[in-house]
Amino acid sequence: MPVQDESMSESPRTVIIGLDGVPFGMLKDFAEADVMPNTGQIIRDGFFAPMRSTIPEISSVAWSSIITGTNPGEHGIFGFVDIHPDSYKMKFPNFSDLKQAPFWGRGKGKSVIMNVPSTYPVSEMNGVHISGFVSIDFEKSVHPKSFIARLKEMDYRLDVDSQKAHSSIDLFLEDLDKTLEARIRAYRYLWEGEDWQTFMLVFTGTDRLMHFLFDAYEDKDHKYHNDFLNHFRRIDEVIGEVCSKLTGKDSCLLLSDHGFEALEKDVYVNHLLSSEGFLSFKQNSERKLVNIDMATKAFALDPARIFINQRGKYPAGGVEGGDRERCLKDLEGLFDSLQIDGRKVIKYIYRKEDVYSGPHLGSAPDMILIADKGFNLKGSMAAQQLAGKGPFTGKHTYQNAFLLIRDKRAVSDFIGDHPSVIDAGRLIRFLATGS
């Protein structure tokens, strides 16, 4: 990977490359096996470490923490879904709900931001912003709007069509490749055509691929094993291309927002709460959040965020303030003792005060669960069983995201021995804005 002469760039730039969901061990494996030789070179020359995700370990929360350098209690995003205050009505938080400015809203330089999850709808900013999933309307996904026509000419896709995987893996992989190639065309166009100071590019097809085909990574005889590797080979080519365009003064970070591992069983938290008497519904009603009754002590939202049904906070709240602590202890006992096939299901049980701080702590779930190896926690209300298995073969993990920094000298006080995505976000903010 040749490095350009430093005289070609007047001031240092910052480049962030995201590989959604890619675990530390997988990246290390691919680098050592020469599947990703360009990434391997950066690992040998730079700083490479496993990284903790956010709690919960989902993209909307993690990427919001990365782009702001703050925890959910400060930026206000706790999941892909939430509920309106004083109600049980669902809402879907988006970029306009983010309570902290992203790093590109803090600095003076121009930024190009591509495909960062949970940044829809885009807003006014100094530069170019193309939002990532969940992006609903193309017109609201691009700033400035003058780029929309050009992106459509490139066949740019806001996300992979994952629904295709439910009927045909071959069609899914075809769409995955087309989405990646369009992403690459757009990055090259903006890299060369815009005068930028910070460039952020996130590849999210990696997450989609691992959800449906994590078994193809683990099994070298799997029909789609080479397809899995080829997706990473293509991304590595782009990483090498990007690094060849950087000077020695420029900063370059690669990171993931959470890790991944094989999925064995989905576990339905609300089914457990219902069967153990913590959750109940109005008579002759559907098992929906809006239909819970005053006998309910707790309910869960995806993936495993537990809310105490407190009086005065929710319409059918029946738990008095003084009973909250007793309820939490009862839940801790329930979740700590939960086993399936003789195996412990819950690895970590956190109260909100343990993991969040800031002005939006009151909006946080009362308790958050992290599953043990192989188990995937889900918040479906309608599930008729404790455990099952859907089409996914891979699941998110909290512990083994990765952080890779091209120049060891760029590692600052923000990055300790056990970094988190919030630490990485603070470093990114510092490199991009100086504050």
Protein backbone atom coordinates (compact mmCIF):
# COMPACT_ATOMS: atom_id res chain seq x y z
CA MET A 1 0.00 0.00 0.00
CA PRO A 2 2.05 2.99 -1.19
CA VAL A 3 1.68 6.22 0.73
CA GLN A 4 1.48 9.52 -1.11
CA ASP A 5 4.09 12.18 -0.54
CA GLU A 6 3.07 14.43 2.36
CA SER A 7 3.44 17.54 0.23
CA MET A 8 0.36 16.46 -1.74
CA SER A 9 -1.88 17.32 1.20
CA GLU A 10 -1.83 20.70 2.91
CA SER A 11 -3.42 19.62 6.18
CA PRO A 12 -4.01 16.25 7.85
CA ARG A 13 -7.30 14.54 7.15
CA THR A 14 -9.25 11.93 9.08
CA VAL A 15 -10.69 8.78 7.51
CA ILE A 16 -13.01 6.37 9.35
CA ILE A 17 -13.94 3.02 7.80
CA GLY A 18 -16.66 1.03 9.51
CA LEU A 19 -17.24 -2.70 9.05
CA ASP A 20 -20.59 -3.24 10.70
CA GLY A 21 -20.60 -6.14 13.15
CA VAL A 22 -17.22 -7.59 12.19
CA PRO A 23 -15.66 -9.33 15.21
CA PHE A 24 -12.04 -8.91 16.25
CA GLY A 25 -11.29 -12.61 15.83
CA MET A 26 -12.68 -12.77 12.31
CA LEU A 27 -10.67 -9.76 11.14
CA LYS A 28 -7.52 -11.24 12.73
CA ASP A 29 -8.25 -14.57 11.06
CA PHE A 30 -8.75 -12.99 7.63
CA ALA A 31 -5.61 -10.87 7.97
CA GLU A 32 -3.45 -13.86 8.91
CA ALA A 33 -4.97 -16.07 6.20
CA ASP A 34 -4.28 -13.38 3.56
CA VAL A 35 -7.97 -12.99 2.78
CA MET A 36 -7.50 -9.33 3.75
CA PRO A 37 -3.81 -8.57 3.09
CA ASN A 38 -4.19 -4.78 3.10
CA THR A 39 -5.90 -4.90 6.47
CA GLY A 40 -3.17 -7.27 7.64
CA GLN A 41 -0.53 -4.67 6.79
CA ILE A 42 -2.36 -2.05 8.85
CA ILE A 43 -2.58 -4.49 11.76
CA ARG A 44 1.16 -5.12 11.62
CA ASP A 45 2.01 -1.42 11.53
CA GLY A 46 -0.73 0.00 13.73
CA PHE A 47 -2.84 -0.48 16.84
CA PHE A 48 -5.29 -3.38 16.86
CA ALA A 49 -7.51 -4.34 19.80
CA PRO A 50 -10.84 -5.96 20.69
CA MET A 51 -13.45 -3.44 21.70
CA ARG A 52 -16.62 -3.45 23.80
CA SER A 53 -19.86 -2.39 22.16
CA THR A 54 -22.69 -0.46 23.78
CA ILE A 55 -25.39 -1.95 25.97
CA PRO A 56 -27.47 -3.20 24.25
CA GLU A 57 -25.11 -4.33 21.51
CA ILE A 58 -27.12 -3.06 18.53
CA SER A 59 -26.19 -0.78 15.67
CA SER A 60 -28.53 2.13 16.39
CA VAL A 61 -27.10 2.58 19.88
CA ALA A 62 -23.49 1.78 19.00
CA TRP A 63 -23.15 4.02 15.94
CA SER A 64 -24.88 6.87 17.79
CA SER A 65 -22.22 6.49 20.47
CA ILE A 66 -19.41 6.33 17.90
CA ILE A 67 -20.42 9.49 16.04
CA THR A 68 -20.99 11.50 19.24
CA GLY A 69 -18.41 9.98 21.60
CA THR A 70 -21.09 9.81 24.28
CA ASN A 71 -23.13 7.15 26.09
CA PRO A 72 -26.88 6.61 25.53
CA GLY A 73 -27.73 8.58 28.66
CA GLU A 74 -26.26 11.59 26.88
CA HIS A 75 -27.28 11.02 23.24
CA GLY A 76 -30.70 9.56 24.03
CA ILE A 77 -30.78 6.54 21.68
CA PHE A 78 -31.45 3.28 23.54
CA GLY A 79 -32.70 1.01 20.74
CA PHE A 80 -34.24 0.71 17.29
CA VAL A 81 -37.67 1.00 18.91
CA ASP A 82 -38.89 2.87 21.97
CA ILE A 83 -42.17 4.05 23.46
CA HIS A 84 -43.68 7.49 23.67
CA PRO A 85 -43.64 9.06 27.15
CA ASP A 86 -46.65 8.25 29.35
CA SER A 87 -47.89 5.61 26.90
CA TYR A 88 -47.28 2.16 25.44
CA LYS A 89 -47.27 3.40 21.86
CA MET A 90 -44.21 2.42 19.86
CA LYS A 91 -41.92 4.88 18.15
CA PHE A 92 -38.86 4.47 15.98
CA PRO A 93 -36.10 6.89 17.01
CA ASN A 94 -34.10 8.36 14.14
CA PHE A 95 -31.33 10.88 13.58
CA SER A 96 -33.55 13.81 14.56
CA ASP A 97 -33.92 12.23 18.03
CA LEU A 98 -30.15 12.25 18.65
CA LYS A 99 -29.53 14.64 21.55
CA GLN A 100 -25.79 15.14 20.97
CA ALA A 101 -24.22 16.60 17.83
CA PRO A 102 -22.24 14.15 15.69
CA PHE A 103 -18.59 14.98 15.20
CA TRP A 104 -19.26 16.46 11.76
CA GLY A 105 -21.56 18.99 13.39
CA ARG A 106 -18.81 20.18 15.73
CA GLY A 107 -15.85 20.83 13.44
CA LYS A 108 -15.21 23.55 10.90
CA GLY A 109 -13.92 21.33 8.10
CA LYS A 110 -16.02 19.74 5.39
CA SER A 111 -17.07 16.10 5.87
CA VAL A 112 -18.26 13.27 3.67
CA ILE A 113 -20.39 10.81 5.65
CA MET A 114 -21.51 7.62 3.90
CA ASN A 115 -23.83 4.87 5.11
CA VAL A 116 -23.64 5.40 8.88
CA PRO A 117 -26.60 3.54 10.44
CA SER A 118 -29.31 5.51 12.24
CA THR A 119 -28.45 8.84 10.60
CA TYR A 120 -31.73 9.14 8.69
CA PRO A 121 -33.18 11.60 7.87
CA VAL A 122 -30.14 13.68 6.99
CA SER A 123 -29.94 17.32 8.01
CA GLU A 124 -28.03 20.41 6.98
CA MET A 125 -24.27 19.99 7.42
CA ASN A 126 -20.97 21.17 5.99
CA GLY A 127 -20.38 18.57 3.32
CA VAL A 128 -22.11 15.48 1.98
CA HIS A 129 -24.19 13.02 3.99
CA ILE A 130 -25.75 9.79 2.68
CA SER A 131 -27.56 8.03 5.50
CA GLY A 132 -27.41 4.31 6.29
CA PHE A 133 -30.10 1.93 7.48
CA VAL A 134 -32.83 2.41 8.46
CA SER A 135 -33.37 4.85 5.55
CA ILE A 136 -36.91 4.94 4.19
CA ASP A 137 -37.03 7.71 1.59
CA PHE A 138 -34.13 8.32 -0.82
CA GLU A 139 -35.02 12.01 -0.98
CA LYS A 140 -34.48 12.36 2.77
CA SER A 141 -31.33 10.24 2.77
CA VAL A 142 -28.98 12.55 0.86
CA HIS A 143 -27.58 16.01 1.57
CA PRO A 144 -27.27 18.06 -0.51
CA LYS A 145 -30.13 16.91 -2.71
CA SER A 146 -28.13 17.79 -5.81
CA PHE A 147 -26.32 14.45 -5.42
CA ILE A 148 -29.49 12.34 -5.56
CA ALA A 149 -29.68 12.08 -9.36
CA ARG A 150 -26.00 11.11 -9.66
CA LEU A 151 -26.34 8.43 -6.98
CA LYS A 152 -29.35 6.95 -8.73
CA GLU A 153 -27.35 6.84 -11.97
CA MET A 154 -24.80 4.75 -10.05
CA ASP A 155 -27.59 2.39 -8.95
CA TYR A 156 -26.80 3.35 -5.37
CA ARG A 157 -28.70 1.34 -2.73
CA LEU A 158 -29.32 2.55 0.78
CA ASP A 159 -29.22 -1.02 2.09
CA VAL A 160 -29.06 -4.65 1.05
CA ASP A 161 -32.45 -6.24 0.36
CA SER A 162 -32.25 -8.78 3.18
CA GLN A 163 -35.75 -10.06 2.46
CA LYS A 164 -34.30 -11.92 -0.52
CA ALA A 165 -32.34 -14.15 1.85
CA HIS A 166 -35.59 -15.59 3.19
CA SER A 167 -36.40 -17.05 -0.23
CA SER A 168 -33.03 -17.38 -1.98
CA ILE A 169 -29.50 -17.01 -0.64
CA ASP A 170 -28.23 -16.72 -4.21
CA LEU A 171 -30.46 -13.72 -4.89
CA PHE A 172 -29.43 -12.20 -1.56
CA LEU A 173 -25.73 -12.56 -2.41
CA GLU A 174 -26.32 -11.03 -5.83
CA ASP A 175 -27.98 -8.01 -4.22
CA LEU A 176 -25.22 -7.85 -1.60
CA ASP A 177 -22.59 -7.61 -4.36
CA LYS A 178 -24.53 -4.97 -6.31
CA THR A 179 -25.02 -2.89 -3.17
CA LEU A 180 -21.31 -3.09 -2.34
CA GLU A 181 -20.19 -2.15 -5.84
CA ALA A 182 -22.55 0.83 -5.91
CA ARG A 183 -21.20 1.90 -2.52
CA ILE A 184 -17.66 1.74 -3.89
CA ARG A 185 -18.58 3.79 -6.98
CA ALA A 186 -20.15 6.45 -4.78
CA TYR A 187 -17.18 6.60 -2.39
CA ARG A 188 -14.76 7.09 -5.30
CA TYR A 189 -16.94 9.80 -6.80
CA LEU A 190 -17.15 11.74 -3.53
CA TRP A 191 -13.52 11.15 -2.55
CA GLU A 192 -12.25 12.71 -5.76
CA GLY A 193 -15.02 15.23 -6.33
CA GLU A 194 -15.30 16.83 -2.88
CA ASP A 195 -12.85 18.93 -0.91
CA TRP A 196 -13.16 17.26 2.48
CA GLN A 197 -11.37 17.14 5.81
CA THR A 198 -13.10 14.05 7.25
CA PHE A 199 -14.37 11.04 5.32
CA MET A 200 -16.45 8.30 6.96
CA LEU A 201 -17.49 5.20 5.03
CA VAL A 202 -19.38 2.29 6.62
CA PHE A 203 -19.89 -1.12 5.05
CA THR A 204 -23.09 -2.64 6.44
CA GLY A 205 -23.38 -5.64 4.15
CA THR A 206 -21.00 -7.40 6.50
CA ASP A 207 -23.69 -7.44 9.19
CA ARG A 208 -26.30 -8.76 6.77
CA LEU A 209 -23.95 -11.46 5.53
CA MET A 210 -23.08 -12.65 9.01
CA HIS A 211 -26.69 -12.79 10.18
CA PHE A 212 -27.65 -15.18 7.41
CA LEU A 213 -24.37 -16.97 6.71
CA PHE A 214 -22.21 -17.00 9.82
CA ASP A 215 -22.15 -20.77 9.45
CA ALA A 216 -20.54 -20.29 6.03
CA TYR A 217 -17.64 -18.53 7.73
CA GLU A 218 -17.13 -21.29 10.28
CA ASP A 219 -17.56 -24.21 7.87
CA LYS A 220 -14.95 -24.29 5.11
CA ASP A 221 -17.00 -26.90 3.24
CA HIS A 222 -20.12 -24.74 3.26
CA LYS A 223 -21.62 -24.04 -0.16
CA TYR A 224 -21.24 -20.30 0.36
CA HIS A 225 -17.89 -20.23 2.18
CA ASN A 226 -16.02 -18.65 -0.74
CA ASP A 227 -18.82 -16.15 -1.31
CA PHE A 228 -18.44 -15.12 2.32
CA LEU A 229 -14.67 -14.67 1.94
CA ASN A 230 -15.00 -12.84 -1.37
CA HIS A 231 -17.16 -10.15 0.20
CA PHE A 232 -14.36 -9.40 2.66
CA ARG A 233 -11.71 -9.63 -0.05
CA ARG A 234 -13.52 -6.91 -2.00
CA ILE A 235 -13.77 -4.67 1.05
CA ASP A 236 -10.07 -5.22 1.73
CA GLU A 237 -9.29 -4.04 -1.79
CA VAL A 238 -11.12 -0.80 -1.02
CA ILE A 239 -9.25 -0.46 2.29
CA GLY A 240 -5.97 -0.79 0.42
CA GLU A 241 -7.12 1.73 -2.17
CA VAL A 242 -8.08 4.24 0.53
CA CYS A 243 -4.77 3.86 2.37
CA SER A 244 -2.82 4.35 -0.86
CA LYS A 245 -4.40 7.81 -1.12
CA LEU A 246 -3.42 8.93 2.38
CA THR A 247 -0.36 10.82 3.46
CA GLY A 248 1.71 10.10 6.53
CA LYS A 249 0.00 13.00 8.28
CA ASP A 250 -3.53 11.67 7.75
CA SER A 251 -5.34 9.63 10.41
CA CYS A 252 -7.16 6.43 9.50
CA LEU A 253 -9.30 4.30 11.82
CA LEU A 254 -11.17 1.10 11.09
CA LEU A 255 -13.75 -0.20 13.54
CA SER A 256 -16.89 -2.24 14.06
CA ASP A 257 -19.86 -1.36 16.21
CA HIS A 258 -20.32 -4.79 17.80
CA GLY A 259 -19.07 -8.33 17.38
CA PHE A 260 -20.67 -11.50 16.03
CA GLU A 261 -20.88 -15.19 16.83
CA ALA A 262 -22.88 -18.28 15.91
CA LEU A 263 -26.54 -18.24 16.92
CA GLU A 264 -28.00 -21.39 18.44
CA LYS A 265 -31.32 -20.30 19.95
CA ASP A 266 -33.54 -17.23 20.04
CA VAL A 267 -34.91 -16.62 23.53
CA TYR A 268 -38.15 -14.65 23.95
CA VAL A 269 -37.88 -12.52 27.07
CA ASN A 270 -41.54 -11.44 27.22
CA HIS A 271 -42.68 -15.07 27.07
CA LEU A 272 -40.55 -15.71 30.15
CA LEU A 273 -41.95 -12.64 31.92
CA SER A 274 -45.49 -13.74 31.10
CA SER A 275 -45.01 -17.33 32.21
CA GLU A 276 -43.46 -16.18 35.50
CA GLY A 277 -46.26 -13.71 36.31
CA PHE A 278 -44.43 -10.45 35.59
CA LEU A 279 -46.38 -9.64 32.41
CA SER A 280 -50.11 -9.98 31.74
CA PHE A 281 -52.63 -8.65 29.24
CA LYS A 282 -56.18 -7.41 29.33
CA GLN A 283 -58.74 -10.19 29.00
CA ASN A 284 -59.51 -11.33 25.44
CA SER A 285 -56.88 -9.04 23.93
CA GLU A 286 -53.92 -9.62 21.64
CA ARG A 287 -50.49 -9.99 23.20
CA LYS A 288 -49.38 -6.44 22.40
CA LEU A 289 -47.72 -3.80 24.52
CA VAL A 290 -50.75 -1.49 24.32
CA ASN A 291 -52.87 -4.24 25.90
CA ILE A 292 -50.91 -4.91 29.09
CA ASP A 293 -52.82 -4.53 32.35
CA MET A 294 -52.10 -3.15 35.82
CA ALA A 295 -51.01 -6.56 37.10
CA THR A 296 -47.92 -6.26 34.87
CA LYS A 297 -44.73 -5.65 36.77
CA ALA A 298 -42.30 -5.56 33.84
CA PHE A 299 -42.11 -5.81 30.06
CA ALA A 300 -39.30 -6.01 27.51
CA LEU A 301 -38.47 -4.20 24.29
CA ASP A 302 -35.97 -5.54 21.76
CA PRO A 303 -33.48 -6.92 22.21
CA ALA A 304 -33.65 -7.35 26.01
CA ARG A 305 -34.44 -4.00 27.60
CA ILE A 306 -36.57 -4.42 30.71
CA PHE A 307 -38.98 -1.69 31.86
CA ILE A 308 -40.64 -1.65 35.26
CA ASN A 309 -44.36 -0.88 34.83
CA GLN A 310 -44.36 1.95 37.38
CA ARG A 311 -47.44 3.80 38.53
CA GLY A 312 -47.38 7.38 37.32
CA LYS A 313 -44.99 6.57 34.48
CA TYR A 314 -47.21 4.34 32.35
CA PRO A 315 -51.00 4.34 31.80
CA ALA A 316 -51.46 0.89 33.35
CA GLY A 317 -48.56 1.22 35.76
CA GLY A 318 -49.13 -0.88 38.85
CA VAL A 319 -45.74 -0.96 40.54
CA GLU A 320 -45.50 1.61 43.34
CA GLY A 321 -42.26 3.54 43.65
CA GLY A 322 -41.24 1.73 46.82
CA ASP A 323 -41.74 -1.66 45.15
CA ARG A 324 -39.40 -0.95 42.23
CA GLU A 325 -36.30 -2.22 44.04
CA ARG A 326 -38.02 -5.45 45.09
CA CYS A 327 -39.20 -6.00 41.53
CA LEU A 328 -35.70 -5.46 40.14
CA LYS A 329 -34.22 -7.96 42.59
CA ASP A 330 -36.88 -10.52 41.68
CA LEU A 331 -36.07 -10.04 38.00
CA GLU A 332 -32.35 -10.38 38.64
CA GLY A 333 -33.01 -13.69 40.35
CA LEU A 334 -35.20 -14.87 37.48
CA PHE A 335 -32.75 -13.96 34.74
CA ASP A 336 -29.68 -15.18 36.62
CA SER A 337 -31.25 -18.62 37.10
CA LEU A 338 -32.55 -19.02 33.54
CA GLN A 339 -31.16 -22.10 31.82
CA ILE A 340 -31.94 -23.85 28.55
CA ASP A 341 -30.62 -27.36 27.90
CA GLY A 342 -28.60 -27.05 31.09
CA ARG A 343 -26.83 -23.89 29.92
CA LYS A 344 -26.98 -20.43 31.44
CA VAL A 345 -28.79 -18.02 29.09
CA ILE A 346 -27.95 -14.58 30.54
CA LYS A 347 -24.32 -13.54 30.87
CA TYR A 348 -24.71 -10.00 32.19
CA ILE A 349 -27.55 -8.21 34.01
CA TYR A 350 -27.22 -4.44 34.19
CA ARG A 351 -29.33 -1.77 35.83
CA LYS A 352 -29.48 1.48 33.94
CA GLU A 353 -27.46 3.32 36.58
CA ASP A 354 -24.63 0.81 36.03
CA VAL A 355 -24.10 1.63 32.36
CA TYR A 356 -25.68 5.01 31.55
CA SER A 357 -25.19 8.55 32.76
CA GLY A 358 -26.47 11.88 31.59
CA PRO A 359 -29.61 13.98 31.26
CA HIS A 360 -31.61 11.25 29.48
CA LEU A 361 -31.15 8.53 32.08
CA GLY A 362 -34.86 8.76 32.88
CA SER A 363 -35.71 7.49 29.38
CA ALA A 364 -33.47 4.46 29.72
CA PRO A 365 -34.74 0.92 30.36
CA ASP A 366 -34.58 -0.08 34.01
CA MET A 367 -32.56 -3.19 33.24
CA ILE A 368 -30.61 -4.50 30.23
CA LEU A 369 -29.63 -8.11 29.59
CA ILE A 370 -26.70 -9.49 27.61
CA ALA A 371 -27.02 -13.10 26.46
CA ASP A 372 -24.46 -15.81 26.98
CA LYS A 373 -22.74 -17.50 24.06
CA GLY A 374 -25.07 -18.77 21.34
CA PHE A 375 -28.27 -17.25 22.75
CA ASN A 376 -30.06 -14.33 21.08
CA LEU A 377 -32.51 -12.33 23.22
CA LYS A 378 -35.67 -10.99 21.60
CA GLY A 379 -38.51 -8.77 22.80
CA SER A 380 -41.44 -10.14 20.78
CA MET A 381 -44.72 -9.98 22.71
CA ALA A 382 -46.49 -12.58 20.58
CA ALA A 383 -44.03 -15.46 20.98
CA GLN A 384 -45.71 -18.67 22.11
CA GLN A 385 -42.55 -20.36 23.33
CA LEU A 386 -39.47 -19.54 25.37
CA ALA A 387 -36.95 -20.48 22.70
CA GLY A 388 -36.81 -21.17 18.99
CA LYS A 389 -34.69 -20.70 15.89
CA GLY A 390 -35.30 -18.43 12.92
CA PRO A 391 -33.34 -18.05 9.64
CA PHE A 392 -30.35 -16.27 11.21
CA THR A 393 -27.16 -18.23 11.89
CA GLY A 394 -25.26 -15.34 13.48
CA LYS A 395 -25.95 -12.90 16.33
CA HIS A 396 -24.48 -9.72 17.80
CA THR A 397 -22.03 -9.81 20.70
CA TYR A 398 -20.99 -7.19 23.22
CA GLN A 399 -17.35 -8.06 23.83
CA ASN A 400 -15.54 -8.57 20.53
CA ALA A 401 -15.92 -5.60 18.24
CA PHE A 402 -12.59 -4.32 16.88
CA LEU A 403 -10.61 -1.10 16.70
CA LEU A 404 -7.75 -0.71 14.23
CA ILE A 405 -5.73 2.51 13.98
CA ARG A 406 -3.25 2.85 11.13
CA ASP A 407 -0.71 4.93 13.06
CA LYS A 408 0.09 3.91 16.63
CA ARG A 409 0.96 7.53 17.35
CA ALA A 410 -2.71 8.43 16.88
CA VAL A 411 -3.65 6.36 19.92
CA SER A 412 -4.30 8.89 22.66
CA ASP A 413 -5.53 8.97 26.23
CA PHE A 414 -8.97 8.09 24.87
CA ILE A 415 -7.90 4.51 24.16
CA GLY A 416 -6.95 2.32 27.11
CA ASP A 417 -6.29 -1.40 27.46
CA HIS A 418 -9.98 -2.31 27.10
CA PRO A 419 -11.53 0.28 24.77
CA SER A 420 -15.23 0.70 24.08
CA VAL A 421 -16.99 2.14 21.06
CA ILE A 422 -17.57 5.28 23.14
CA ASP A 423 -13.79 5.62 23.61
CA ALA A 424 -13.35 5.22 19.86
CA GLY A 425 -16.00 7.88 19.32
CA ARG A 426 -14.17 10.32 21.57
CA LEU A 427 -10.96 9.70 19.64
CA ILE A 428 -12.73 10.22 16.32
CA ARG A 429 -14.27 13.45 17.59
CA PHE A 430 -10.86 14.66 18.75
CA LEU A 431 -9.14 13.81 15.45
CA ALA A 432 -11.93 15.35 13.38
CA THR A 433 -12.55 18.47 15.43
CA GLY A 434 -9.66 18.89 17.86
CA SER A 435 -12.04 18.86 20.83
